[in-house]
Amino acid sequence: IGASGIMPAFVGAWMQELVDLACILWALRAARPSKQELELGAR
């Protein structure tokens, strides 16, 4: 998108911050048990 010239550099920099946040939130999912683990534990 940046290569096309339609997104100003200032906006692009803030978009990258949102990407960082998305990566961290996804990584934090490892702190929660998976469905398979819960089913296994119950059985």
Full PDB file with SEQRES, HELIX, SHEET, SSBOND, CRYST1, ORIGX, SCALE, CONECT and MASTER records, all heavy atoms in Angstrom:
SEQRES   1 A   43  ILE GLY ALA SER GLY ILE MET PRO ALA PHE VAL GLY ALA          
SEQRES   2 A   43  TRP MET GLN GLU LEU VAL ASP LEU ALA CYS ILE LEU TRP          
SEQRES   3 A   43  ALA LEU ARG ALA ALA ARG PRO SER LYS GLN GLU LEU GLU          
SEQRES   4 A   43  LEU GLY ALA ARG                                              
HELIX    1 AA1 GLY A    2  SER A    4  5                                   3    
HELIX    2 AA2 ALA A    9  ALA A   27  1                                  19    
HELIX    3 AA3 LEU A   28  ALA A   31  5                                   4    
HELIX    4 AA4 LYS A   35  ALA A   42  1                                   8    
CRYST1    1.000    1.000    1.000  90.00  90.00  90.00 P 1           1          
ORIGX1      1.000000  0.000000  0.000000        0.00000                         
ORIGX2      0.000000  1.000000  0.000000        0.00000                         
ORIGX3      0.000000  0.000000  1.000000        0.00000                         
SCALE1      1.000000  0.000000  0.000000        0.00000                         
SCALE2      0.000000  1.000000  0.000000        0.00000                         
SCALE3      0.000000  0.000000  1.000000        0.00000                         
ATOM      1  N   ILE A   1       0.841  -1.203   0.000  1.00  0.00           N  
ATOM      2  CA  ILE A   1       0.000   0.000   0.000  1.00  0.00           C  
ATOM      3  C   ILE A   1       0.873   1.249   0.000  1.00  0.00           C  
ATOM      4  O   ILE A   1       0.623   2.227  -0.727  1.00  0.00           O  
ATOM      5  CB  ILE A   1      -0.955   0.000   1.205  1.00  0.00           C  
ATOM      6  CG1 ILE A   1      -1.945  -1.172   1.096  1.00  0.00           C  
ATOM      7  CG2 ILE A   1      -1.710   1.320   1.305  1.00  0.00           C  
ATOM      8  CD1 ILE A   1      -2.818  -1.350   2.324  1.00  0.00           C  
ATOM      9  N   GLY A   2       1.934   1.226   0.831  1.00  0.00           N  
ATOM     10  CA  GLY A   2       2.858   2.358   0.870  1.00  0.00           C  
ATOM     11  C   GLY A   2       3.532   2.583  -0.473  1.00  0.00           C  
ATOM     12  O   GLY A   2       3.749   3.732  -0.889  1.00  0.00           O  
ATOM     13  N   ALA A   3       3.849   1.493  -1.174  1.00  0.00           N  
ATOM     14  CA  ALA A   3       4.501   1.620  -2.482  1.00  0.00           C  
ATOM     15  C   ALA A   3       3.599   2.287  -3.504  1.00  0.00           C  
ATOM     16  O   ALA A   3       4.078   2.927  -4.450  1.00  0.00           O  
ATOM     17  CB  ALA A   3       4.928   0.234  -2.981  1.00  0.00           C  
ATOM     18  N   SER A   4       2.288   2.190  -3.299  1.00  0.00           N  
ATOM     19  CA  SER A   4       1.342   2.806  -4.241  1.00  0.00           C  
ATOM     20  C   SER A   4       1.254   4.317  -4.062  1.00  0.00           C  
ATOM     21  O   SER A   4       0.741   5.029  -4.930  1.00  0.00           O  
ATOM     22  CB  SER A   4      -0.042   2.191  -4.068  1.00  0.00           C  
ATOM     23  OG  SER A   4      -0.600   2.572  -2.811  1.00  0.00           O  
ATOM     24  N   GLY A   5       1.702   4.806  -2.899  1.00  0.00           N  
ATOM     25  CA  GLY A   5       1.690   6.238  -2.641  1.00  0.00           C  
ATOM     26  C   GLY A   5       0.389   6.764  -2.074  1.00  0.00           C  
ATOM     27  O   GLY A   5       0.269   7.976  -1.841  1.00  0.00           O  
ATOM     28  N   ILE A   6      -0.605   5.884  -1.815  1.00  0.00           N  
ATOM     29  CA  ILE A   6      -1.904   6.390  -1.332  1.00  0.00           C  
ATOM     30  C   ILE A   6      -1.943   6.529   0.179  1.00  0.00           C  
ATOM     31  O   ILE A   6      -2.894   7.099   0.726  1.00  0.00           O  
ATOM     32  CB  ILE A   6      -3.051   5.459  -1.800  1.00  0.00           C  
ATOM     33  CG1 ILE A   6      -2.884   4.059  -1.207  1.00  0.00           C  
ATOM     34  CG2 ILE A   6      -3.112   5.420  -3.323  1.00  0.00           C  
ATOM     35  CD1 ILE A   6      -4.051   3.129  -1.506  1.00  0.00           C  
ATOM     36  N   MET A   7      -0.927   6.003   0.896  1.00  0.00           N  
ATOM     37  CA  MET A   7      -0.922   6.088   2.355  1.00  0.00           C  
ATOM     38  C   MET A   7       0.249   6.958   2.811  1.00  0.00           C  
ATOM     39  O   MET A   7       1.406   6.601   2.615  1.00  0.00           O  
ATOM     40  CB  MET A   7      -0.809   4.691   2.978  1.00  0.00           C  
ATOM     41  CG  MET A   7      -0.871   4.703   4.507  1.00  0.00           C  
ATOM     42  SD  MET A   7      -1.029   3.021   5.201  1.00  0.00           S  
ATOM     43  CE  MET A   7       0.502   2.285   4.613  1.00  0.00           C  
ATOM     44  N   PRO A   8      -0.020   8.110   3.414  1.00  0.00           N  
ATOM     45  CA  PRO A   8       1.057   8.978   3.897  1.00  0.00           C  
ATOM     46  C   PRO A   8       1.955   8.245   4.888  1.00  0.00           C  
ATOM     47  O   PRO A   8       1.515   7.340   5.597  1.00  0.00           O  
ATOM     48  CB  PRO A   8       0.301  10.132   4.568  1.00  0.00           C  
ATOM     49  CG  PRO A   8      -1.064  10.105   3.960  1.00  0.00           C  
ATOM     50  CD  PRO A   8      -1.355   8.682   3.667  1.00  0.00           C  
ATOM     51  N   ALA A   9       3.200   8.662   4.962  1.00  0.00           N  
ATOM     52  CA  ALA A   9       4.171   8.011   5.841  1.00  0.00           C  
ATOM     53  C   ALA A   9       3.736   8.090   7.305  1.00  0.00           C  
ATOM     54  O   ALA A   9       3.918   7.141   8.073  1.00  0.00           O  
ATOM     55  CB  ALA A   9       5.548   8.659   5.658  1.00  0.00           C  
ATOM     56  N   PHE A  10       3.153   9.222   7.715  1.00  0.00           N  
ATOM     57  CA  PHE A  10       2.719   9.393   9.108  1.00  0.00           C  
ATOM     58  C   PHE A  10       1.638   8.366   9.461  1.00  0.00           C  
ATOM     59  O   PHE A  10       1.675   7.731  10.512  1.00  0.00           O  
ATOM     60  CB  PHE A  10       2.197  10.818   9.312  1.00  0.00           C  
ATOM     61  CG  PHE A  10       1.735  11.089  10.714  1.00  0.00           C  
ATOM     62  CD1 PHE A  10       2.646  11.263  11.733  1.00  0.00           C  
ATOM     63  CD2 PHE A  10       0.381  11.169  11.008  1.00  0.00           C  
ATOM     64  CE1 PHE A  10       2.213  11.514  13.035  1.00  0.00           C  
ATOM     65  CE2 PHE A  10      -0.049  11.425  12.284  1.00  0.00           C  
ATOM     66  CZ  PHE A  10       0.866  11.598  13.310  1.00  0.00           C  
ATOM     67  N   VAL A  11       0.679   8.188   8.547  1.00  0.00           N  
ATOM     68  CA  VAL A  11      -0.384   7.203   8.771  1.00  0.00           C  
ATOM     69  C   VAL A  11       0.195   5.790   8.776  1.00  0.00           C  
ATOM     70  O   VAL A  11      -0.170   4.946   9.610  1.00  0.00           O  
ATOM     71  CB  VAL A  11      -1.471   7.327   7.677  1.00  0.00           C  
ATOM     72  CG1 VAL A  11      -2.510   6.212   7.822  1.00  0.00           C  
ATOM     73  CG2 VAL A  11      -2.135   8.694   7.751  1.00  0.00           C  
ATOM     74  N   GLY A  12       1.125   5.523   7.874  1.00  0.00           N  
ATOM     75  CA  GLY A  12       1.746   4.202   7.805  1.00  0.00           C  
ATOM     76  C   GLY A  12       2.474   3.850   9.093  1.00  0.00           C  
ATOM     77  O   GLY A  12       2.421   2.696   9.547  1.00  0.00           O  
ATOM     78  N   ALA A  13       3.147   4.840   9.674  1.00  0.00           N  
ATOM     79  CA  ALA A  13       3.869   4.586  10.930  1.00  0.00           C  
ATOM     80  C   ALA A  13       2.912   4.163  12.030  1.00  0.00           C  
ATOM     81  O   ALA A  13       3.196   3.242  12.806  1.00  0.00           O  
ATOM     82  CB  ALA A  13       4.651   5.835  11.331  1.00  0.00           C  
ATOM     83  N   TRP A  14       1.753   4.812  12.115  1.00  0.00           N  
ATOM     84  CA  TRP A  14       0.771   4.430  13.137  1.00  0.00           C  
ATOM     85  C   TRP A  14       0.117   3.094  12.820  1.00  0.00           C  
ATOM     86  O   TRP A  14      -0.221   2.318  13.728  1.00  0.00           O  
ATOM     87  CB  TRP A  14      -0.295   5.516  13.279  1.00  0.00           C  
ATOM     88  CG  TRP A  14       0.180   6.684  14.087  1.00  0.00           C  
ATOM     89  CD1 TRP A  14       0.465   7.939  13.638  1.00  0.00           C  
ATOM     90  CD2 TRP A  14       0.467   6.689  15.488  1.00  0.00           C  
ATOM     91  NE1 TRP A  14       0.906   8.747  14.664  1.00  0.00           N  
ATOM     92  CE2 TRP A  14       0.914   7.988  15.823  1.00  0.00           C  
ATOM     93  CE3 TRP A  14       0.407   5.735  16.488  1.00  0.00           C  
ATOM     94  CZ2 TRP A  14       1.278   8.351  17.113  1.00  0.00           C  
ATOM     95  CZ3 TRP A  14       0.772   6.095  17.792  1.00  0.00           C  
ATOM     96  CH2 TRP A  14       1.197   7.391  18.080  1.00  0.00           C  
ATOM     97  N   MET A  15      -0.046   2.782  11.551  1.00  0.00           N  
ATOM     98  CA  MET A  15      -0.582   1.473  11.174  1.00  0.00           C  
ATOM     99  C   MET A  15       0.361   0.351  11.634  1.00  0.00           C  
ATOM    100  O   MET A  15      -0.083  -0.722  12.061  1.00  0.00           O  
ATOM    101  CB  MET A  15      -0.789   1.399   9.660  1.00  0.00           C  
ATOM    102  CG  MET A  15      -1.921   2.275   9.134  1.00  0.00           C  
ATOM    103  SD  MET A  15      -3.537   1.794   9.796  1.00  0.00           S  
ATOM    104  CE  MET A  15      -3.733   0.173   9.058  1.00  0.00           C  
ATOM    105  N   GLN A  16       1.660   0.635  11.548  1.00  0.00           N  
ATOM    106  CA  GLN A  16       2.621  -0.374  12.001  1.00  0.00           C  
ATOM    107  C   GLN A  16       2.515  -0.597  13.506  1.00  0.00           C  
ATOM    108  O   GLN A  16       2.698  -1.713  14.003  1.00  0.00           O  
ATOM    109  CB  GLN A  16       4.046   0.060  11.634  1.00  0.00           C  
ATOM    110  CG  GLN A  16       5.122  -0.970  11.975  1.00  0.00           C  
ATOM    111  CD  GLN A  16       4.906  -2.293  11.275  1.00  0.00           C  
ATOM    112  OE1 GLN A  16       4.564  -2.340  10.100  1.00  0.00           O  
ATOM    113  NE2 GLN A  16       5.081  -3.388  11.988  1.00  0.00           N  
ATOM    114  N   GLU A  17       2.196   0.444  14.247  1.00  0.00           N  
ATOM    115  CA  GLU A  17       1.966   0.287  15.692  1.00  0.00           C  
ATOM    116  C   GLU A  17       0.804  -0.666  15.949  1.00  0.00           C  
ATOM    117  O   GLU A  17       0.836  -1.489  16.869  1.00  0.00           O  
ATOM    118  CB  GLU A  17       1.661   1.661  16.322  1.00  0.00           C  
ATOM    119  CG  GLU A  17       2.834   2.611  16.380  1.00  0.00           C  
ATOM    120  CD  GLU A  17       3.750   2.323  17.555  1.00  0.00           C  
ATOM    121  OE1 GLU A  17       3.604   1.253  18.186  1.00  0.00           O  
ATOM    122  OE2 GLU A  17       4.623   3.158  17.845  1.00  0.00           O  
ATOM    123  N   LEU A  18      -0.253  -0.565  15.133  1.00  0.00           N  
ATOM    124  CA  LEU A  18      -1.405  -1.468  15.286  1.00  0.00           C  
ATOM    125  C   LEU A  18      -1.005  -2.911  14.975  1.00  0.00           C  
ATOM    126  O   LEU A  18      -1.503  -3.845  15.611  1.00  0.00           O  
ATOM    127  CB  LEU A  18      -2.546  -1.021  14.371  1.00  0.00           C  
ATOM    128  CG  LEU A  18      -3.183   0.343  14.701  1.00  0.00           C  
ATOM    129  CD1 LEU A  18      -4.272   0.668  13.681  1.00  0.00           C  
ATOM    130  CD2 LEU A  18      -3.771   0.320  16.113  1.00  0.00           C  
ATOM    131  N   VAL A  19      -0.111  -3.088  14.007  1.00  0.00           N  
ATOM    132  CA  VAL A  19       0.380  -4.430  13.688  1.00  0.00           C  
ATOM    133  C   VAL A  19       1.133  -5.019  14.888  1.00  0.00           C  
ATOM    134  O   VAL A  19       0.949  -6.185  15.255  1.00  0.00           O  
ATOM    135  CB  VAL A  19       1.291  -4.402  12.443  1.00  0.00           C  
ATOM    136  CG1 VAL A  19       1.956  -5.764  12.229  1.00  0.00           C  
ATOM    137  CG2 VAL A  19       0.486  -4.008  11.213  1.00  0.00           C  
ATOM    138  N   ASP A  20       1.975  -4.190  15.521  1.00  0.00           N  
ATOM    139  CA  ASP A  20       2.694  -4.639  16.713  1.00  0.00           C  
ATOM    140  C   ASP A  20       1.720  -5.098  17.786  1.00  0.00           C  
ATOM    141  O   ASP A  20       1.900  -6.153  18.422  1.00  0.00           O  
ATOM    142  CB  ASP A  20       3.556  -3.507  17.280  1.00  0.00           C  
ATOM    143  CG  ASP A  20       4.663  -3.104  16.321  1.00  0.00           C  
ATOM    144  OD1 ASP A  20       4.907  -3.840  15.350  1.00  0.00           O  
ATOM    145  OD2 ASP A  20       5.277  -2.053  16.561  1.00  0.00           O  
ATOM    146  N   LEU A  21       0.690  -4.306  18.019  1.00  0.00           N  
ATOM    147  CA  LEU A  21      -0.298  -4.628  19.046  1.00  0.00           C  
ATOM    148  C   LEU A  21      -1.014  -5.933  18.713  1.00  0.00           C  
ATOM    149  O   LEU A  21      -1.242  -6.772  19.596  1.00  0.00           O  
ATOM    150  CB  LEU A  21      -1.310  -3.483  19.167  1.00  0.00           C  
ATOM    151  CG  LEU A  21      -2.385  -3.633  20.251  1.00  0.00           C  
ATOM    152  CD1 LEU A  21      -1.744  -3.748  21.626  1.00  0.00           C  
ATOM    153  CD2 LEU A  21      -3.353  -2.451  20.210  1.00  0.00           C  
ATOM    154  N   ALA A  22      -1.361  -6.129  17.453  1.00  0.00           N  
ATOM    155  CA  ALA A  22      -2.046  -7.352  17.040  1.00  0.00           C  
ATOM    156  C   ALA A  22      -1.163  -8.579  17.289  1.00  0.00           C  
ATOM    157  O   ALA A  22      -1.647  -9.623  17.752  1.00  0.00           O  
ATOM    158  CB  ALA A  22      -2.426  -7.270  15.563  1.00  0.00           C  
ATOM    159  N   CYS A  23       0.142  -8.467  17.001  1.00  0.00           N  
ATOM    160  CA  CYS A  23       1.069  -9.576  17.222  1.00  0.00           C  
ATOM    161  C   CYS A  23       1.157  -9.932  18.703  1.00  0.00           C  
ATOM    162  O   CYS A  23       1.155 -11.114  19.081  1.00  0.00           O  
ATOM    163  CB  CYS A  23       2.461  -9.221  16.707  1.00  0.00           C  
ATOM    164  SG  CYS A  23       2.567  -9.095  14.916  1.00  0.00           S  
ATOM    165  N   ILE A  24       1.234  -8.926  19.549  1.00  0.00           N  
ATOM    166  CA  ILE A  24       1.350  -9.168  20.990  1.00  0.00           C  
ATOM    167  C   ILE A  24       0.080  -9.816  21.537  1.00  0.00           C  
ATOM    168  O   ILE A  24       0.131 -10.779  22.311  1.00  0.00           O  
ATOM    169  CB  ILE A  24       1.659  -7.857  21.722  1.00  0.00           C  
ATOM    170  CG1 ILE A  24       3.079  -7.393  21.387  1.00  0.00           C  
ATOM    171  CG2 ILE A  24       1.497  -8.016  23.233  1.00  0.00           C  
ATOM    172  CD1 ILE A  24       3.417  -6.016  21.873  1.00  0.00           C  
ATOM    173  N   LEU A  25      -1.066  -9.295  21.146  1.00  0.00           N  
ATOM    174  CA  LEU A  25      -2.329  -9.867  21.623  1.00  0.00           C  
ATOM    175  C   LEU A  25      -2.469 -11.319  21.180  1.00  0.00           C  
ATOM    176  O   LEU A  25      -2.962 -12.162  21.945  1.00  0.00           O  
ATOM    177  CB  LEU A  25      -3.508  -9.033  21.115  1.00  0.00           C  
ATOM    178  CG  LEU A  25      -3.628  -7.627  21.695  1.00  0.00           C  
ATOM    179  CD1 LEU A  25      -4.787  -6.874  21.037  1.00  0.00           C  
ATOM    180  CD2 LEU A  25      -3.836  -7.679  23.209  1.00  0.00           C  
ATOM    181  N   TRP A  26      -2.036 -11.612  19.965  1.00  0.00           N  
ATOM    182  CA  TRP A  26      -2.114 -12.999  19.489  1.00  0.00           C  
ATOM    183  C   TRP A  26      -1.151 -13.892  20.276  1.00  0.00           C  
ATOM    184  O   TRP A  26      -1.494 -15.009  20.653  1.00  0.00           O  
ATOM    185  CB  TRP A  26      -1.788 -13.061  17.998  1.00  0.00           C  
ATOM    186  CG  TRP A  26      -2.151 -14.399  17.399  1.00  0.00           C  
ATOM    187  CD1 TRP A  26      -1.348 -15.496  17.285  1.00  0.00           C  
ATOM    188  CD2 TRP A  26      -3.430 -14.775  16.876  1.00  0.00           C  
ATOM    189  NE1 TRP A  26      -2.032 -16.537  16.722  1.00  0.00           N  
ATOM    190  CE2 TRP A  26      -3.317 -16.129  16.448  1.00  0.00           C  
ATOM    191  CE3 TRP A  26      -4.642 -14.112  16.717  1.00  0.00           C  
ATOM    192  CZ2 TRP A  26      -4.382 -16.820  15.887  1.00  0.00           C  
ATOM    193  CZ3 TRP A  26      -5.703 -14.802  16.136  1.00  0.00           C  
ATOM    194  CH2 TRP A  26      -5.560 -16.140  15.732  1.00  0.00           C  
ATOM    195  N   ALA A  27       0.055 -13.380  20.528  1.00  0.00           N  
ATOM    196  CA  ALA A  27       1.045 -14.158  21.286  1.00  0.00           C  
ATOM    197  C   ALA A  27       0.568 -14.468  22.694  1.00  0.00           C  
ATOM    198  O   ALA A  27       0.842 -15.542  23.244  1.00  0.00           O  
ATOM    199  CB  ALA A  27       2.378 -13.406  21.332  1.00  0.00           C  
ATOM    200  N   LEU A  28      -0.194 -13.553  23.288  1.00  0.00           N  
ATOM    201  CA  LEU A  28      -0.703 -13.767  24.648  1.00  0.00           C  
ATOM    202  C   LEU A  28      -1.712 -14.899  24.722  1.00  0.00           C  
ATOM    203  O   LEU A  28      -2.005 -15.399  25.815  1.00  0.00           O  
ATOM    204  CB  LEU A  28      -1.332 -12.470  25.177  1.00  0.00           C  
ATOM    205  CG  LEU A  28      -0.360 -11.367  25.584  1.00  0.00           C  
ATOM    206  CD1 LEU A  28      -1.115 -10.079  25.895  1.00  0.00           C  
ATOM    207  CD2 LEU A  28       0.464 -11.798  26.786  1.00  0.00           C  
ATOM    208  N   ARG A  29      -2.234 -15.334  23.577  1.00  0.00           N  
ATOM    209  CA  ARG A  29      -3.178 -16.450  23.568  1.00  0.00           C  
ATOM    210  C   ARG A  29      -2.535 -17.739  24.085  1.00  0.00           C  
ATOM    211  O   ARG A  29      -3.239 -18.651  24.519  1.00  0.00           O  
ATOM    212  CB  ARG A  29      -3.721 -16.682  22.154  1.00  0.00           C  
ATOM    213  CG  ARG A  29      -4.594 -15.558  21.638  1.00  0.00           C  
ATOM    214  CD  ARG A  29      -5.042 -15.815  20.195  1.00  0.00           C  
ATOM    215  NE  ARG A  29      -5.921 -16.981  20.109  1.00  0.00           N  
ATOM    216  CZ  ARG A  29      -5.597 -18.121  19.509  1.00  0.00           C  
ATOM    217  NH1 ARG A  29      -4.415 -18.245  18.935  1.00  0.00           N  
ATOM    218  NH2 ARG A  29      -6.444 -19.117  19.457  1.00  0.00           N  
ATOM    219  N   ALA A  30      -1.220 -17.810  24.063  1.00  0.00           N  
ATOM    220  CA  ALA A  30      -0.536 -19.005  24.548  1.00  0.00           C  
ATOM    221  C   ALA A  30      -0.716 -19.199  26.046  1.00  0.00           C  
ATOM    222  O   ALA A  30      -0.463 -20.289  26.567  1.00  0.00           O  
ATOM    223  CB  ALA A  30       0.958 -18.926  24.211  1.00  0.00           C  
ATOM    224  N   ALA A  31      -1.159 -18.158  26.754  1.00  0.00           N  
ATOM    225  CA  ALA A  31      -1.397 -18.274  28.196  1.00  0.00           C  
ATOM    226  C   ALA A  31      -2.710 -18.982  28.502  1.00  0.00           C  
ATOM    227  O   ALA A  31      -2.959 -19.347  29.660  1.00  0.00           O  
ATOM    228  CB  ALA A  31      -1.378 -16.883  28.846  1.00  0.00           C  
ATOM    229  N   ARG A  32      -3.561 -19.175  27.481  1.00  0.00           N  
ATOM    230  CA  ARG A  32      -4.853 -19.823  27.697  1.00  0.00           C  
ATOM    231  C   ARG A  32      -4.800 -21.274  27.241  1.00  0.00           C  
ATOM    232  O   ARG A  32      -4.106 -21.594  26.276  1.00  0.00           O  
ATOM    233  CB  ARG A  32      -5.959 -19.087  26.940  1.00  0.00           C  
ATOM    234  CG  ARG A  32      -6.089 -17.615  27.304  1.00  0.00           C  
ATOM    235  CD  ARG A  32      -7.493 -17.097  27.016  1.00  0.00           C  
ATOM    236  NE  ARG A  32      -7.954 -17.445  25.687  1.00  0.00           N  
ATOM    237  CZ  ARG A  32      -7.868 -16.641  24.626  1.00  0.00           C  
ATOM    238  NH1 ARG A  32      -7.292 -15.464  24.758  1.00  0.00           N  
ATOM    239  NH2 ARG A  32      -8.345 -17.017  23.451  1.00  0.00           N  
ATOM    240  N   PRO A  33      -5.525 -22.174  27.904  1.00  0.00           N  
ATOM    241  CA  PRO A  33      -5.520 -23.576  27.477  1.00  0.00           C  
ATOM    242  C   PRO A  33      -6.243 -23.758  26.155  1.00  0.00           C  
ATOM    243  O   PRO A  33      -7.202 -23.044  25.856  1.00  0.00           O  
ATOM    244  CB  PRO A  33      -6.243 -24.299  28.619  1.00  0.00           C  
ATOM    245  CG  PRO A  33      -7.133 -23.248  29.211  1.00  0.00           C  
ATOM    246  CD  PRO A  33      -6.378 -21.956  29.079  1.00  0.00           C  
ATOM    247  N   SER A  34      -5.798 -24.707  25.371  1.00  0.00           N  
ATOM    248  CA  SER A  34      -6.474 -25.022  24.121  1.00  0.00           C  
ATOM    249  C   SER A  34      -7.704 -25.878  24.403  1.00  0.00           C  
ATOM    250  O   SER A  34      -7.829 -26.489  25.472  1.00  0.00           O  
ATOM    251  CB  SER A  34      -5.528 -25.776  23.181  1.00  0.00           C  
ATOM    252  OG  SER A  34      -5.181 -27.029  23.749  1.00  0.00           O  
ATOM    253  N   LYS A  35      -8.591 -25.940  23.431  1.00  0.00           N  
ATOM    254  CA  LYS A  35      -9.781 -26.788  23.553  1.00  0.00           C  
ATOM    255  C   LYS A  35      -9.377 -28.242  23.721  1.00  0.00           C  
ATOM    256  O   LYS A  35      -9.965 -28.989  24.515  1.00  0.00           O  
ATOM    257  CB  LYS A  35     -10.658 -26.615  22.309  1.00  0.00           C  
ATOM    258  CG  LYS A  35     -11.944 -27.421  22.354  1.00  0.00           C  
ATOM    259  CD  LYS A  35     -12.765 -27.213  21.081  1.00  0.00           C  
ATOM    260  CE  LYS A  35     -14.041 -28.056  21.118  1.00  0.00           C  
ATOM    261  NZ  LYS A  35     -14.836 -27.888  19.871  1.00  0.00           N  
ATOM    262  N   GLN A  36      -8.328 -28.652  23.003  1.00  0.00           N  
ATOM    263  CA  GLN A  36      -7.854 -30.031  23.092  1.00  0.00           C  
ATOM    264  C   GLN A  36      -7.350 -30.345  24.497  1.00  0.00           C  
ATOM    265  O   GLN A  36      -7.608 -31.432  25.031  1.00  0.00           O  
ATOM    266  CB  GLN A  36      -6.739 -30.263  22.076  1.00  0.00           C  
ATOM    267  CG  GLN A  36      -6.300 -31.724  21.956  1.00  0.00           C  
ATOM    268  CD  GLN A  36      -5.201 -31.899  20.936  1.00  0.00           C  
ATOM    269  OE1 GLN A  36      -4.611 -30.927  20.456  1.00  0.00           O  
ATOM    270  NE2 GLN A  36      -4.903 -33.145  20.590  1.00  0.00           N  
ATOM    271  N   GLU A  37      -6.645 -29.386  25.123  1.00  0.00           N  
ATOM    272  CA  GLU A  37      -6.147 -29.610  26.480  1.00  0.00           C  
ATOM    273  C   GLU A  37      -7.291 -29.739  27.469  1.00  0.00           C  
ATOM    274  O   GLU A  37      -7.265 -30.588  28.367  1.00  0.00           O  
ATOM    275  CB  GLU A  37      -5.215 -28.464  26.882  1.00  0.00           C  
ATOM    276  CG  GLU A  37      -4.601 -28.647  28.263  1.00  0.00           C  
ATOM    277  CD  GLU A  37      -3.781 -27.459  28.711  1.00  0.00           C  
ATOM    278  OE1 GLU A  37      -3.480 -26.584  27.872  1.00  0.00           O  
ATOM    279  OE2 GLU A  37      -3.464 -27.399  29.903  1.00  0.00           O  
ATOM    280  N   LEU A  38      -8.310 -28.895  27.335  1.00  0.00           N  
ATOM    281  CA  LEU A  38      -9.456 -28.959  28.240  1.00  0.00           C  
ATOM    282  C   LEU A  38     -10.195 -30.287  28.092  1.00  0.00           C  
ATOM    283  O   LEU A  38     -10.585 -30.907  29.086  1.00  0.00           O  
ATOM    284  CB  LEU A  38     -10.404 -27.787  27.961  1.00  0.00           C  
ATOM    285  CG  LEU A  38      -9.856 -26.389  28.290  1.00  0.00           C  
ATOM    286  CD1 LEU A  38     -10.834 -25.317  27.818  1.00  0.00           C  
ATOM    287  CD2 LEU A  38      -9.599 -26.259  29.788  1.00  0.00           C  
ATOM    288  N   GLU A  39     -10.393 -30.725  26.846  1.00  0.00           N  
ATOM    289  CA  GLU A  39     -11.077 -31.996  26.614  1.00  0.00           C  
ATOM    290  C   GLU A  39     -10.255 -33.159  27.160  1.00  0.00           C  
ATOM    291  O   GLU A  39     -10.796 -34.090  27.763  1.00  0.00           O  
ATOM    292  CB  GLU A  39     -11.328 -32.185  25.118  1.00  0.00           C  
ATOM    293  CG  GLU A  39     -12.355 -31.216  24.540  1.00  0.00           C  
ATOM    294  CD  GLU A  39     -12.484 -31.352  23.030  1.00  0.00           C  
ATOM    295  OE1 GLU A  39     -11.634 -32.049  22.425  1.00  0.00           O  
ATOM    296  OE2 GLU A  39     -13.426 -30.772  22.461  1.00  0.00           O  
ATOM    297  N   LEU A  40      -8.948 -33.086  26.948  1.00  0.00           N  
ATOM    298  CA  LEU A  40      -8.063 -34.136  27.431  1.00  0.00           C  
ATOM    299  C   LEU A  40      -8.088 -34.201  28.955  1.00  0.00           C  
ATOM    300  O   LEU A  40      -8.183 -35.283  29.549  1.00  0.00           O  
ATOM    301  CB  LEU A  40      -6.640 -33.883  26.940  1.00  0.00           C  
ATOM    302  CG  LEU A  40      -5.577 -34.900  27.343  1.00  0.00           C  
ATOM    303  CD1 LEU A  40      -5.845 -36.231  26.666  1.00  0.00           C  
ATOM    304  CD2 LEU A  40      -4.195 -34.391  26.978  1.00  0.00           C  
ATOM    305  N   GLY A  41      -8.016 -33.036  29.602  1.00  0.00           N  
ATOM    306  CA  GLY A  41      -8.026 -32.995  31.056  1.00  0.00           C  
ATOM    307  C   GLY A  41      -9.293 -33.583  31.639  1.00  0.00           C  
ATOM    308  O   GLY A  41      -9.264 -34.300  32.643  1.00  0.00           O  
ATOM    309  N   ALA A  42     -10.429 -33.281  31.014  1.00  0.00           N  
ATOM    310  CA  ALA A  42     -11.710 -33.797  31.508  1.00  0.00           C  
ATOM    311  C   ALA A  42     -11.778 -35.314  31.360  1.00  0.00           C  
ATOM    312  O   ALA A  42     -12.281 -36.014  32.239  1.00  0.00           O  
ATOM    313  CB  ALA A  42     -12.857 -33.138  30.750  1.00  0.00           C  
ATOM    314  N   ARG A  43     -11.234 -35.835  30.264  1.00  0.00           N  
ATOM    315  CA  ARG A  43     -11.353 -37.270  30.003  1.00  0.00           C  
ATOM    316  C   ARG A  43     -10.408 -38.097  30.858  1.00  0.00           C  
ATOM    317  O   ARG A  43     -10.800 -39.121  31.415  1.00  0.00           O  
ATOM    318  CB  ARG A  43     -11.075 -37.543  28.530  1.00  0.00           C  
ATOM    319  CG  ARG A  43     -11.401 -38.979  28.138  1.00  0.00           C  
ATOM    320  CD  ARG A  43     -11.243 -39.226  26.657  1.00  0.00           C  
ATOM    321  NE  ARG A  43      -9.858 -39.333  26.257  1.00  0.00           N  
ATOM    322  CZ  ARG A  43      -9.195 -38.429  25.567  1.00  0.00           C  
ATOM    323  NH1 ARG A  43      -9.790 -37.312  25.195  1.00  0.00           N  
ATOM    324  NH2 ARG A  43      -7.935 -38.602  25.230  1.00  0.00           N  
TER     325      ARG A  43                                                      
MASTER        0    0    0    4    0    0    0    6  324    1    0    4          
END                                                                             
